[in-house]
Amino acid sequence: MAFEAYLYIDGVRGDSTSAVAKNEVPAETSSAGPIEIQNYGLGIEMPLVENRSATGAVTVGRANFEDFETAKNLDISTSALLFFCLSGKHIPFAVVKVYRAVADDDSSKPTLYMEIKYQSVVITEVSVSGSGDEMPTETLKFNYGSVEYKYYKTDAKTGKSNNQLAIFSWDRGANTGTKS
């Protein structure tokens, strides 16, 4: 089953026409509209000591958080994202919502199955490219001070939610978090 994904950035207007995305704008953002994204990436890495047996410890220091990365079509949000990248201005919130298609024939409303909330966001890269064959695309990266990740379990066959939820949150400044 395919997915639909949307990015909401506080103070940035997107122009997705998706009814699902427009009706579920996160309260944390003053987003005037969702930004439809084609893909996304999130990475975290924990450094390990070279020689485990000598020290007895396995990890060393803090986890390394990669910038959130996504690709999208050029749209009304591009100029604001370029401005935020150039200015280095902190953005209070950004939220990513990923929906799972319920039916292959698009006859049902998609089901939310992942939501990632970022705080203290800084746009670190905006790269726009295009060719004569397709719409210009944009790669967007941002760094963040804290993250809250929610996964809503869905049925593999129907895509419907079964109300099970897995959550973790992490504050990078305090280097602490919670999970449930």
N, C-alpha and C. Protein backbone atom coordinates (compact mmCIF):
# COMPACT_ATOMS: atom_id res chain seq x y z
N MET A 1 0.83 -1.18 0.00
CA MET A 1 0.00 0.00 0.00
C MET A 1 0.87 1.24 0.00
N ALA A 2 0.47 2.23 -0.69
CA ALA A 2 1.20 3.49 -0.78
C ALA A 2 0.94 4.36 0.45
N PHE A 3 1.69 5.45 0.53
CA PHE A 3 1.47 6.39 1.62
C PHE A 3 1.37 7.81 1.08
N GLU A 4 0.79 8.67 1.91
CA GLU A 4 0.77 10.11 1.66
C GLU A 4 1.49 10.74 2.83
N ALA A 5 2.34 11.74 2.57
CA ALA A 5 3.07 12.39 3.65
C ALA A 5 3.01 13.90 3.48
N TYR A 6 2.88 14.59 4.62
CA TYR A 6 2.74 16.04 4.61
C TYR A 6 3.62 16.65 5.69
N LEU A 7 4.17 17.81 5.36
CA LEU A 7 5.02 18.56 6.28
C LEU A 7 4.32 19.88 6.59
N TYR A 8 4.24 20.19 7.87
CA TYR A 8 3.66 21.44 8.34
C TYR A 8 4.78 22.18 9.07
N ILE A 9 5.09 23.39 8.64
CA ILE A 9 6.15 24.18 9.26
C ILE A 9 5.55 25.48 9.75
N ASP A 10 5.77 25.77 11.02
CA ASP A 10 5.22 26.98 11.62
C ASP A 10 5.65 28.21 10.81
N GLY A 11 4.68 28.98 10.35
CA GLY A 11 4.95 30.19 9.60
C GLY A 11 5.21 30.00 8.12
N VAL A 12 5.10 28.77 7.62
CA VAL A 12 5.34 28.50 6.20
C VAL A 12 4.06 27.95 5.59
N ARG A 13 3.65 28.54 4.49
CA ARG A 13 2.42 28.11 3.82
C ARG A 13 2.75 27.12 2.72
N GLY A 14 2.09 25.96 2.75
CA GLY A 14 2.18 24.99 1.67
C GLY A 14 0.94 25.08 0.82
N ASP A 15 0.95 24.39 -0.32
CA ASP A 15 -0.24 24.48 -1.18
C ASP A 15 -0.81 23.13 -1.60
N SER A 16 -0.66 22.13 -0.72
CA SER A 16 -1.28 20.84 -1.01
C SER A 16 -2.80 21.01 -1.00
N THR A 17 -3.46 20.33 -1.91
CA THR A 17 -4.92 20.39 -1.98
C THR A 17 -5.58 19.18 -1.32
N SER A 18 -4.80 18.33 -0.66
CA SER A 18 -5.33 17.14 -0.02
C SER A 18 -6.31 17.51 1.09
N ALA A 19 -7.51 16.96 1.00
CA ALA A 19 -8.52 17.22 2.03
C ALA A 19 -8.09 16.66 3.38
N VAL A 20 -7.45 15.50 3.38
CA VAL A 20 -6.99 14.89 4.63
C VAL A 20 -5.99 15.80 5.31
N ALA A 21 -5.00 16.27 4.58
CA ALA A 21 -3.95 17.10 5.15
C ALA A 21 -4.48 18.46 5.60
N LYS A 22 -5.37 19.05 4.85
CA LYS A 22 -5.91 20.37 5.21
C LYS A 22 -6.79 20.30 6.45
N ASN A 23 -7.45 19.17 6.67
CA ASN A 23 -8.34 19.03 7.81
C ASN A 23 -7.62 18.62 9.09
N GLU A 24 -6.34 18.29 8.99
CA GLU A 24 -5.60 17.82 10.16
C GLU A 24 -4.34 18.64 10.41
N VAL A 25 -4.43 19.96 10.28
CA VAL A 25 -3.29 20.84 10.55
C VAL A 25 -2.98 20.78 12.04
N PRO A 26 -1.73 20.48 12.40
CA PRO A 26 -1.37 20.37 13.82
C PRO A 26 -1.56 21.70 14.56
N ALA A 27 -2.00 21.61 15.81
CA ALA A 27 -2.23 22.81 16.62
C ALA A 27 -0.94 23.58 16.87
N GLU A 28 0.21 22.88 16.86
CA GLU A 28 1.49 23.52 17.15
C GLU A 28 1.96 24.46 16.05
N THR A 29 1.43 24.31 14.86
CA THR A 29 1.90 25.13 13.75
C THR A 29 0.84 26.13 13.33
N SER A 30 1.31 27.28 12.88
CA SER A 30 0.38 28.26 12.32
C SER A 30 0.42 28.12 10.80
N SER A 31 0.67 26.90 10.36
CA SER A 31 0.79 26.61 8.93
C SER A 31 -0.52 26.93 8.22
N ALA A 32 -0.41 27.68 7.14
CA ALA A 32 -1.61 28.01 6.37
C ALA A 32 -1.96 26.92 5.38
N GLY A 33 -1.15 25.90 5.32
CA GLY A 33 -1.42 24.81 4.41
C GLY A 33 -0.31 23.78 4.45
N PRO A 34 -0.64 22.53 4.21
CA PRO A 34 0.34 21.46 4.25
C PRO A 34 1.25 21.46 3.02
N ILE A 35 2.45 20.96 3.21
CA ILE A 35 3.41 20.77 2.13
C ILE A 35 3.44 19.28 1.83
N GLU A 36 3.10 18.90 0.63
CA GLU A 36 3.11 17.48 0.25
C GLU A 36 4.56 17.06 -0.02
N ILE A 37 4.99 15.99 0.66
CA ILE A 37 6.36 15.51 0.47
C ILE A 37 6.36 14.14 -0.20
N GLN A 38 7.40 13.88 -0.99
CA GLN A 38 7.49 12.64 -1.76
C GLN A 38 8.18 11.53 -1.00
N ASN A 39 9.15 11.90 -0.18
CA ASN A 39 9.87 10.92 0.64
C ASN A 39 10.46 11.66 1.83
N TYR A 40 11.02 10.92 2.76
CA TYR A 40 11.60 11.54 3.94
C TYR A 40 12.66 10.62 4.52
N GLY A 41 13.53 11.18 5.33
CA GLY A 41 14.56 10.38 6.00
C GLY A 41 14.88 10.97 7.35
N LEU A 42 15.06 10.10 8.31
CA LEU A 42 15.38 10.47 9.69
C LEU A 42 16.44 9.48 10.16
N GLY A 43 17.55 9.96 10.69
CA GLY A 43 18.60 9.06 11.13
C GLY A 43 19.19 9.46 12.46
N ILE A 44 19.47 8.46 13.28
CA ILE A 44 20.12 8.66 14.57
C ILE A 44 21.19 7.59 14.70
N GLU A 45 22.35 7.98 15.19
CA GLU A 45 23.47 7.04 15.30
C GLU A 45 24.09 7.18 16.69
N MET A 46 24.35 6.06 17.34
CA MET A 46 25.02 6.06 18.64
C MET A 46 26.46 5.61 18.45
N PRO A 47 27.43 6.48 18.77
CA PRO A 47 28.83 6.08 18.62
C PRO A 47 29.21 5.02 19.66
N LEU A 48 30.02 4.07 19.22
CA LEU A 48 30.49 2.99 20.09
C LEU A 48 31.99 3.08 20.28
N VAL A 49 32.46 2.53 21.41
CA VAL A 49 33.90 2.48 21.64
C VAL A 49 34.51 1.46 20.69
N GLU A 50 35.78 1.67 20.34
CA GLU A 50 36.43 0.74 19.41
C GLU A 50 36.65 -0.63 20.02
N ASN A 51 37.06 -0.66 21.26
CA ASN A 51 37.43 -1.92 21.88
C ASN A 51 36.54 -2.16 23.09
N ARG A 52 35.48 -2.88 22.90
CA ARG A 52 34.51 -3.12 23.97
C ARG A 52 35.11 -3.86 25.15
N SER A 53 35.91 -4.86 24.90
CA SER A 53 36.40 -5.70 25.98
C SER A 53 37.36 -4.97 26.91
N ALA A 54 38.10 -4.01 26.42
CA ALA A 54 39.07 -3.31 27.25
C ALA A 54 38.42 -2.37 28.25
N THR A 55 37.34 -1.74 27.88
CA THR A 55 36.74 -0.74 28.76
C THR A 55 35.50 -1.21 29.49
N GLY A 56 34.82 -2.19 28.95
CA GLY A 56 33.57 -2.65 29.53
C GLY A 56 32.38 -1.82 29.10
N ALA A 57 32.63 -0.61 28.63
CA ALA A 57 31.56 0.26 28.15
C ALA A 57 31.33 0.02 26.66
N VAL A 58 30.15 0.26 26.23
CA VAL A 58 29.81 0.06 24.82
C VAL A 58 29.65 1.40 24.11
N THR A 59 28.87 2.28 24.69
CA THR A 59 28.61 3.57 24.04
C THR A 59 29.56 4.64 24.56
N VAL A 60 29.72 5.65 23.74
CA VAL A 60 30.58 6.76 24.14
C VAL A 60 29.88 8.07 23.75
N GLY A 61 29.56 8.89 24.72
CA GLY A 61 28.96 10.19 24.42
C GLY A 61 27.48 10.13 24.08
N ARG A 62 27.06 11.15 23.33
CA ARG A 62 25.67 11.31 22.94
C ARG A 62 25.41 10.73 21.56
N ALA A 63 24.15 10.48 21.30
CA ALA A 63 23.76 10.05 19.96
C ALA A 63 23.93 11.21 18.98
N ASN A 64 24.22 10.87 17.74
CA ASN A 64 24.32 11.86 16.66
C ASN A 64 23.01 11.86 15.88
N PHE A 65 22.39 13.01 15.80
CA PHE A 65 21.13 13.16 15.07
C PHE A 65 21.43 13.72 13.69
N GLU A 66 21.02 13.01 12.67
CA GLU A 66 21.14 13.54 11.31
C GLU A 66 20.01 14.53 11.08
N ASP A 67 20.22 15.45 10.16
CA ASP A 67 19.15 16.36 9.78
C ASP A 67 17.99 15.56 9.18
N PHE A 68 16.77 16.01 9.45
CA PHE A 68 15.62 15.45 8.76
C PHE A 68 15.75 15.87 7.30
N GLU A 69 15.47 14.95 6.39
CA GLU A 69 15.60 15.24 4.96
C GLU A 69 14.34 14.80 4.22
N THR A 70 13.91 15.62 3.27
CA THR A 70 12.74 15.27 2.48
C THR A 70 12.88 15.84 1.07
N ALA A 71 12.12 15.28 0.16
CA ALA A 71 12.04 15.80 -1.21
C ALA A 71 10.59 16.17 -1.48
N LYS A 72 10.43 17.24 -2.25
CA LYS A 72 9.09 17.71 -2.59
C LYS A 72 9.15 18.46 -3.91
N ASN A 73 8.00 18.70 -4.49
CA ASN A 73 7.95 19.52 -5.69
C ASN A 73 8.08 20.99 -5.32
N LEU A 74 8.62 21.77 -6.22
CA LEU A 74 8.67 23.22 -6.05
C LEU A 74 7.24 23.72 -5.86
N ASP A 75 7.02 24.54 -4.83
CA ASP A 75 5.68 25.06 -4.58
C ASP A 75 5.77 26.41 -3.88
N ILE A 76 4.66 26.87 -3.36
CA ILE A 76 4.59 28.19 -2.73
C ILE A 76 5.48 28.28 -1.49
N SER A 77 5.80 27.17 -0.86
CA SER A 77 6.63 27.18 0.35
C SER A 77 8.11 27.40 0.05
N THR A 78 8.53 27.19 -1.18
CA THR A 78 9.95 27.23 -1.52
C THR A 78 10.61 28.55 -1.15
N SER A 79 9.99 29.67 -1.46
CA SER A 79 10.61 30.96 -1.16
C SER A 79 10.77 31.17 0.35
N ALA A 80 9.79 30.78 1.14
CA ALA A 80 9.89 30.90 2.60
C ALA A 80 10.99 29.99 3.14
N LEU A 81 11.08 28.78 2.61
CA LEU A 81 12.12 27.85 3.07
C LEU A 81 13.51 28.36 2.72
N LEU A 82 13.67 28.93 1.53
CA LEU A 82 14.95 29.53 1.15
C LEU A 82 15.29 30.69 2.10
N PHE A 83 14.31 31.52 2.42
CA PHE A 83 14.53 32.63 3.34
C PHE A 83 14.96 32.14 4.71
N PHE A 84 14.25 31.14 5.26
CA PHE A 84 14.60 30.62 6.58
C PHE A 84 16.00 30.01 6.58
N CYS A 85 16.38 29.36 5.50
CA CYS A 85 17.72 28.79 5.39
C CYS A 85 18.77 29.90 5.37
N LEU A 86 18.54 30.93 4.57
CA LEU A 86 19.48 32.05 4.47
C LEU A 86 19.62 32.82 5.78
N SER A 87 18.52 33.00 6.49
CA SER A 87 18.53 33.81 7.71
C SER A 87 18.97 33.03 8.94
N GLY A 88 18.85 31.70 8.92
CA GLY A 88 19.18 30.90 10.10
C GLY A 88 18.17 31.05 11.21
N LYS A 89 17.02 31.64 10.91
CA LYS A 89 15.99 31.87 11.91
C LYS A 89 15.44 30.55 12.46
N HIS A 90 15.26 30.51 13.78
CA HIS A 90 14.68 29.32 14.41
C HIS A 90 13.18 29.30 14.17
N ILE A 91 12.68 28.13 13.87
CA ILE A 91 11.25 27.92 13.65
C ILE A 91 10.75 27.11 14.84
N PRO A 92 9.70 27.56 15.53
CA PRO A 92 9.26 26.86 16.74
C PRO A 92 8.89 25.39 16.52
N PHE A 93 8.10 25.10 15.47
CA PHE A 93 7.61 23.73 15.27
C PHE A 93 7.60 23.34 13.80
N ALA A 94 7.82 22.06 13.57
CA ALA A 94 7.56 21.43 12.28
C ALA A 94 6.98 20.05 12.59
N VAL A 95 6.00 19.64 11.81
CA VAL A 95 5.34 18.35 12.04
C VAL A 95 5.25 17.61 10.71
N VAL A 96 5.59 16.32 10.75
CA VAL A 96 5.45 15.43 9.60
C VAL A 96 4.34 14.45 9.93
N LYS A 97 3.39 14.31 9.02
CA LYS A 97 2.32 13.31 9.18
C LYS A 97 2.35 12.39 7.98
N VAL A 98 2.34 11.09 8.26
CA VAL A 98 2.36 10.07 7.21
C VAL A 98 1.08 9.25 7.33
N TYR A 99 0.39 9.11 6.21
CA TYR A 99 -0.88 8.39 6.15
C TYR A 99 -0.72 7.15 5.29
N ARG A 100 -1.37 6.09 5.71
CA ARG A 100 -1.38 4.84 4.95
C ARG A 100 -2.69 4.76 4.18
N ALA A 101 -2.58 4.38 2.92
CA ALA A 101 -3.79 4.19 2.12
C ALA A 101 -4.57 3.01 2.67
N VAL A 102 -5.87 3.18 2.83
CA VAL A 102 -6.71 2.11 3.39
C VAL A 102 -7.09 1.11 2.32
N ALA A 103 -7.34 1.57 1.11
CA ALA A 103 -7.72 0.68 0.02
C ALA A 103 -6.90 1.03 -1.22
N ASP A 104 -6.57 0.03 -2.01
CA ASP A 104 -5.78 0.25 -3.21
C ASP A 104 -6.50 1.10 -4.25
N ASP A 105 -7.82 1.15 -4.18
CA ASP A 105 -8.59 1.88 -5.19
C ASP A 105 -8.90 3.33 -4.77
N ASP A 106 -8.25 3.81 -3.71
CA ASP A 106 -8.44 5.18 -3.22
C ASP A 106 -9.88 5.49 -2.83
N SER A 107 -10.64 4.48 -2.42
CA SER A 107 -12.04 4.69 -2.08
C SER A 107 -12.24 5.09 -0.62
N SER A 108 -11.21 5.00 0.20
CA SER A 108 -11.35 5.30 1.62
C SER A 108 -10.37 6.39 2.04
N LYS A 109 -10.69 7.02 3.15
CA LYS A 109 -9.82 8.05 3.71
C LYS A 109 -8.55 7.39 4.24
N PRO A 110 -7.37 7.94 3.93
CA PRO A 110 -6.12 7.39 4.45
C PRO A 110 -6.08 7.46 5.98
N THR A 111 -5.30 6.57 6.59
CA THR A 111 -5.20 6.47 8.04
C THR A 111 -3.84 6.98 8.51
N LEU A 112 -3.84 7.86 9.51
CA LEU A 112 -2.59 8.36 10.08
C LEU A 112 -1.85 7.20 10.74
N TYR A 113 -0.59 6.97 10.34
CA TYR A 113 0.15 5.92 11.03
C TYR A 113 1.51 6.36 11.55
N MET A 114 1.94 7.57 11.24
CA MET A 114 3.16 8.09 11.85
C MET A 114 3.07 9.60 11.92
N GLU A 115 3.54 10.13 13.05
CA GLU A 115 3.58 11.58 13.23
C GLU A 115 4.87 11.92 13.95
N ILE A 116 5.63 12.87 13.40
CA ILE A 116 6.87 13.30 14.03
C ILE A 116 6.78 14.80 14.26
N LYS A 117 6.94 15.21 15.53
CA LYS A 117 6.90 16.63 15.88
C LYS A 117 8.31 17.08 16.25
N TYR A 118 8.74 18.14 15.60
CA TYR A 118 10.07 18.71 15.85
C TYR A 118 9.90 20.09 16.47
N GLN A 119 10.78 20.41 17.43
CA GLN A 119 10.80 21.74 18.01
C GLN A 119 12.17 22.37 17.78
N SER A 120 12.20 23.69 17.81
CA SER A 120 13.43 24.47 17.62
C SER A 120 14.13 24.05 16.33
N VAL A 121 13.45 24.27 15.24
CA VAL A 121 13.89 23.82 13.91
C VAL A 121 14.73 24.91 13.23
N VAL A 122 15.80 24.48 12.56
CA VAL A 122 16.61 25.37 11.72
C VAL A 122 16.75 24.71 10.36
N ILE A 123 16.34 25.41 9.30
CA ILE A 123 16.49 24.90 7.94
C ILE A 123 17.97 24.94 7.60
N THR A 124 18.57 23.79 7.27
CA THR A 124 20.01 23.73 7.00
C THR A 124 20.34 23.63 5.52
N GLU A 125 19.38 23.21 4.70
CA GLU A 125 19.65 23.12 3.26
C GLU A 125 18.35 23.14 2.46
N VAL A 126 18.36 23.90 1.39
CA VAL A 126 17.28 23.88 0.40
C VAL A 126 17.96 23.82 -0.95
N SER A 127 17.68 22.78 -1.70
CA SER A 127 18.31 22.60 -3.01
C SER A 127 17.21 22.35 -4.04
N VAL A 128 17.15 23.21 -5.05
CA VAL A 128 16.12 23.11 -6.08
C VAL A 128 16.78 22.67 -7.39
N SER A 129 16.16 21.68 -8.05
CA SER A 129 16.69 21.23 -9.35
C SER A 129 15.53 20.88 -10.27
N GLY A 130 15.81 20.89 -11.55
CA GLY A 130 14.76 20.57 -12.50
C GLY A 130 15.33 20.24 -13.86
N SER A 131 14.47 19.64 -14.67
CA SER A 131 14.80 19.36 -16.06
C SER A 131 13.53 19.65 -16.87
N GLY A 132 13.64 19.60 -18.16
CA GLY A 132 12.48 19.89 -19.00
C GLY A 132 11.40 18.85 -18.96
N ASP A 133 11.69 17.67 -18.41
CA ASP A 133 10.75 16.56 -18.46
C ASP A 133 9.74 16.53 -17.31
N GLU A 134 10.13 17.07 -16.15
CA GLU A 134 9.27 16.96 -14.97
C GLU A 134 9.24 18.26 -14.20
N MET A 135 8.37 18.31 -13.20
CA MET A 135 8.30 19.46 -12.30
C MET A 135 9.63 19.62 -11.59
N PRO A 136 10.07 20.85 -11.32
CA PRO A 136 11.28 21.04 -10.51
C PRO A 136 11.06 20.44 -9.12
N THR A 137 12.10 19.84 -8.58
CA THR A 137 12.02 19.24 -7.25
C THR A 137 12.95 19.97 -6.30
N GLU A 138 12.72 19.73 -5.05
CA GLU A 138 13.45 20.42 -4.00
C GLU A 138 13.83 19.41 -2.92
N THR A 139 15.06 19.49 -2.47
CA THR A 139 15.50 18.73 -1.32
C THR A 139 15.58 19.70 -0.15
N LEU A 140 15.00 19.32 0.96
CA LEU A 140 14.95 20.16 2.15
C LEU A 140 15.54 19.39 3.32
N LYS A 141 16.41 20.04 4.09
CA LYS A 141 16.95 19.44 5.30
C LYS A 141 16.78 20.43 6.45
N PHE A 142 16.48 19.88 7.64
CA PHE A 142 16.46 20.74 8.82
C PHE A 142 16.96 20.00 10.04
N ASN A 143 17.52 20.79 10.96
CA ASN A 143 18.01 20.30 12.24
C ASN A 143 16.98 20.71 13.29
N TYR A 144 17.06 20.13 14.48
CA TYR A 144 16.01 20.36 15.47
C TYR A 144 16.56 20.16 16.88
N GLY A 145 15.88 20.77 17.84
CA GLY A 145 16.28 20.67 19.24
C GLY A 145 15.64 19.51 19.97
N SER A 146 14.42 19.16 19.60
CA SER A 146 13.76 18.02 20.22
C SER A 146 12.83 17.37 19.21
N VAL A 147 12.50 16.11 19.49
CA VAL A 147 11.67 15.33 18.57
C VAL A 147 10.70 14.47 19.38
N GLU A 148 9.48 14.33 18.87
CA GLU A 148 8.51 13.38 19.41
C GLU A 148 8.00 12.54 18.25
N TYR A 149 8.15 11.24 18.37
CA TYR A 149 7.81 10.30 17.30
C TYR A 149 6.64 9.45 17.77
N LYS A 150 5.57 9.41 16.98
CA LYS A 150 4.41 8.57 17.29
C LYS A 150 4.15 7.64 16.13
N TYR A 151 3.99 6.36 16.46
CA TYR A 151 3.65 5.36 15.45
C TYR A 151 2.32 4.73 15.85
N TYR A 152 1.36 4.79 14.94
CA TYR A 152 0.04 4.21 15.16
C TYR A 152 -0.02 2.91 14.37
N LYS A 153 -0.15 1.79 15.06
CA LYS A 153 -0.18 0.50 14.38
C LYS A 153 -1.43 0.39 13.51
N THR A 154 -1.21 -0.11 12.29
CA THR A 154 -2.32 -0.30 11.35
C THR A 154 -2.33 -1.74 10.85
N ASP A 155 -3.49 -2.21 10.47
CA ASP A 155 -3.64 -3.55 9.93
C ASP A 155 -2.96 -3.62 8.55
N ALA A 156 -2.13 -4.62 8.35
CA ALA A 156 -1.37 -4.75 7.10
C ALA A 156 -2.26 -4.96 5.88
N LYS A 157 -3.42 -5.58 6.07
CA LYS A 157 -4.30 -5.86 4.93
C LYS A 157 -5.25 -4.71 4.62
N THR A 158 -5.81 -4.12 5.67
CA THR A 158 -6.83 -3.09 5.45
C THR A 158 -6.30 -1.67 5.59
N GLY A 159 -5.18 -1.51 6.30
CA GLY A 159 -4.64 -0.18 6.55
C GLY A 159 -5.31 0.54 7.70
N LYS A 160 -6.33 -0.04 8.27
CA LYS A 160 -7.06 0.61 9.36
C LYS A 160 -6.26 0.55 10.66
N SER A 161 -6.41 1.60 11.47
CA SER A 161 -5.72 1.69 12.75
C SER A 161 -6.36 0.74 13.76
N ASN A 162 -5.51 0.16 14.62
CA ASN A 162 -6.06 -0.68 15.69
C ASN A 162 -5.85 -0.02 17.05
N ASN A 163 -5.54 1.28 17.05
CA ASN A 163 -5.42 2.11 18.25
C ASN A 163 -4.25 1.77 19.15
N GLN A 164 -3.29 0.97 18.68
CA GLN A 164 -2.06 0.76 19.44
C GLN A 164 -1.09 1.87 19.06
N LEU A 165 -0.37 2.37 20.05
CA LEU A 165 0.48 3.52 19.82
C LEU A 165 1.85 3.30 20.46
N ALA A 166 2.90 3.63 19.74
CA ALA A 166 4.26 3.61 20.29
C ALA A 166 4.82 5.02 20.16
N ILE A 167 5.38 5.54 21.26
CA ILE A 167 5.86 6.92 21.28
C ILE A 167 7.26 6.97 21.88
N PHE A 168 8.10 7.84 21.32
CA PHE A 168 9.31 8.24 22.01
C PHE A 168 9.51 9.73 21.80
N SER A 169 10.15 10.36 22.77
CA SER A 169 10.50 11.77 22.62
C SER A 169 11.92 11.96 23.13
N TRP A 170 12.62 12.95 22.57
CA TRP A 170 14.00 13.22 22.98
C TRP A 170 14.28 14.70 22.89
N ASP A 171 14.84 15.24 23.97
CA ASP A 171 15.30 16.62 24.01
C ASP A 171 16.81 16.59 23.85
N ARG A 172 17.30 17.09 22.75
CA ARG A 172 18.73 17.01 22.45
C ARG A 172 19.57 17.86 23.39
N GLY A 173 19.06 19.02 23.80
CA GLY A 173 19.81 19.89 24.71
C GLY A 173 20.01 19.25 26.07
N ALA A 174 18.96 18.68 26.61
CA ALA A 174 19.03 18.02 27.92
C ALA A 174 19.56 16.60 27.82
N ASN A 175 19.58 16.05 26.61
CA ASN A 175 20.00 14.66 26.36
C ASN A 175 19.18 13.68 27.19
N THR A 176 17.86 13.90 27.22
CA THR A 176 16.96 13.01 27.93
C THR A 176 15.70 12.79 27.09
N GLY A 177 15.01 11.69 27.40
CA GLY A 177 13.80 11.40 26.66
C GLY A 177 12.91 10.43 27.39
N THR A 178 11.80 10.09 26.74
CA THR A 178 10.85 9.12 27.27
C THR A 178 10.39 8.21 26.14
N LYS A 179 9.88 7.04 26.52
CA LYS A 179 9.27 6.15 25.53
C LYS A 179 8.10 5.43 26.17
N SER A 180 7.14 5.05 25.34
CA SER A 180 6.00 4.27 25.84
C SER A 180 5.50 3.38 24.74
